[in-house]
Amino acid sequence: MSIGHAPVAGRTEWKMLKTNPLEFLQQVRQEATKVTWPTRRETMITTTMVMIMVAMSSVFFLVADAGLKWVVERLLLVSF
């Protein structure tokens, strides 16, 4: 069973090992069985937390942008 790349003896280069498509699909299926899928509840909680963080980030950047705009306007008005 090959796993992607293997070093060539006496060299620092990496050589691709060839895997036939059937063996590759068997490896994919084997790895997919190891995945722990989240429950519906975990997915909803994570989605809600992401939405809250997006809203908080939006407000932060809105305030930061307004503050920088105010500073730049004051600097430009003073210089003329």
Protein backbone atom coordinates (compact mmCIF):
# COMPACT_ATOMS: atom_id res chain seq x y z
CA MET A 1 0.00 0.00 0.00
CA SER A 2 1.55 3.31 -1.08
CA ILE A 3 1.09 6.64 0.65
CA GLY A 4 1.71 9.57 -1.72
CA HIS A 5 5.42 10.39 -1.79
CA ALA A 6 8.57 8.52 -0.83
CA PRO A 7 12.19 9.69 -0.69
CA VAL A 8 14.55 8.36 -3.34
CA ALA A 9 17.60 6.68 -1.79
CA GLY A 10 20.58 9.05 -1.54
CA ARG A 11 18.66 12.10 -2.77
CA THR A 12 16.67 14.88 -1.16
CA GLU A 13 14.10 14.87 -4.00
CA TRP A 14 10.70 13.24 -3.61
CA LYS A 15 9.30 10.80 -6.12
CA MET A 16 5.56 10.24 -6.69
CA LEU A 17 4.47 6.68 -6.00
CA LYS A 18 1.84 5.43 -8.41
CA THR A 19 -1.46 4.20 -7.02
CA ASN A 20 -4.06 2.60 -9.22
CA PRO A 21 -7.56 4.20 -9.20
CA LEU A 22 -9.20 1.23 -7.46
CA GLU A 23 -6.66 1.28 -4.62
CA PHE A 24 -7.06 5.05 -4.35
CA LEU A 25 -10.85 4.76 -4.00
CA GLN A 26 -10.43 2.05 -1.35
CA GLN A 27 -8.10 4.36 0.60
CA VAL A 28 -10.57 7.24 0.29
CA ARG A 29 -13.41 5.05 1.59
CA GLN A 30 -11.23 3.84 4.48
CA GLU A 31 -10.31 7.41 5.46
CA ALA A 32 -13.94 8.58 5.15
CA THR A 33 -15.00 6.00 7.75
CA LYS A 34 -12.62 7.68 10.24
CA VAL A 35 -14.40 11.04 9.96
CA THR A 36 -16.47 12.09 12.96
CA TRP A 37 -19.39 14.01 11.50
CA PRO A 38 -20.98 16.73 13.65
CA THR A 39 -24.53 16.33 14.88
CA ARG A 40 -27.29 18.65 13.70
CA ARG A 41 -27.17 20.46 17.07
CA GLU A 42 -23.38 20.98 16.84
CA THR A 43 -23.75 22.32 13.31
CA MET A 44 -26.46 24.80 14.37
CA ILE A 45 -24.43 26.01 17.37
CA THR A 46 -21.31 26.47 15.24
CA THR A 47 -23.28 28.29 12.53
CA THR A 48 -24.83 30.60 15.12
CA MET A 49 -21.43 31.39 16.62
CA VAL A 50 -20.01 32.18 13.17
CA MET A 51 -22.92 34.54 12.45
CA ILE A 52 -22.42 36.29 15.80
CA MET A 53 -18.69 36.74 15.10
CA VAL A 54 -19.44 38.09 11.61
CA ALA A 55 -21.88 40.62 13.09
CA MET A 56 -19.38 41.68 15.77
CA SER A 57 -16.59 42.03 13.20
CA SER A 58 -18.87 44.09 10.93
CA VAL A 59 -19.69 46.49 13.75
CA PHE A 60 -16.02 46.77 14.73
CA PHE A 61 -14.90 47.59 11.18
CA LEU A 62 -17.82 50.02 10.72
CA VAL A 63 -16.71 51.93 13.83
CA ALA A 64 -13.01 51.75 12.90
CA ASP A 65 -13.75 52.98 9.36
CA ALA A 66 -15.90 55.84 10.63
CA GLY A 67 -13.18 56.83 13.10
CA LEU A 68 -10.45 56.81 10.47
CA LYS A 69 -12.69 58.78 8.09
CA TRP A 70 -13.23 61.40 10.77
CA VAL A 71 -9.47 61.67 11.47
CA VAL A 72 -8.59 61.97 7.77
CA GLU A 73 -11.28 64.60 7.18
CA ARG A 74 -9.97 66.67 10.11
CA LEU A 75 -6.39 66.39 8.81
CA LEU A 76 -7.40 67.44 5.31
CA LEU A 77 -9.52 70.38 6.56
CA VAL A 78 -6.68 71.66 8.76
CA SER A 79 -4.10 71.48 5.97
CA PHE A 80 -6.11 73.75 3.61
